[in-house]
Each structure stands twice: as structure tokens, then as C-alpha cells.
Amino acid sequence: MAGFPPSFGDTLGDRLAGRHRPPLRAVGGGRRDLLLVSEVAARLALSDATVYRMIERGALPAVIIGRSLRVSPADLEAFIERSRNGDL
């Protein structure tokens, strides 16, 4: 997990293994409206490492801003709703 997120999906090995960055998408609001991984972890009572793993496997969408990952509040709410419905 060292180097995540900047190196995640950047190598040929990652691409061949199917680990690639998802396509860019627009998110509403500004940078301040997005949640840090530590904030998501606190809201879900999980460790930062667990949240990073959920993002890495695609269960929780995130955007890369600079060298950090951010999660939109809407994506977090959708994730929580999916988990309530057992759709994870």
C-alpha cells in the first residue's frame, strides 16, 4: 500500500492485473466539501487502512486531489445505503 494513491494503477503490472484508475468524473461542490479518508474512517468507526482498502477494491468511490484521496459525502451516503441493503 506504500505510495497509494499516487502510484496506484500507474504501472503496467497494475494495468494487466486490472488495477487501474477509474475514469475521471465530476463531483459537486469544492475541495472543502469532500471528506478526507480519516473523516470517512471516523464516521464509519473504521481504521484509515480499512477505508483505503475499500477504495482500492472499488467499494467506495474516491477522487484524487493532489496526493490525497477524498470521498464525496453523497458517495459515502450511497455506500452506507448499499451496506444496509446488503449490496456490497
Foldseek 3Di string as FASTA:
>chain_A
DPPPPPCFQVDPVCVVVVGHDDDDDDDDDDPVQWAFLVRLCVVVVHDSVVSVVCCRVPLQPWDDDPRGTTGHPVSSVVSVVCVVVVND
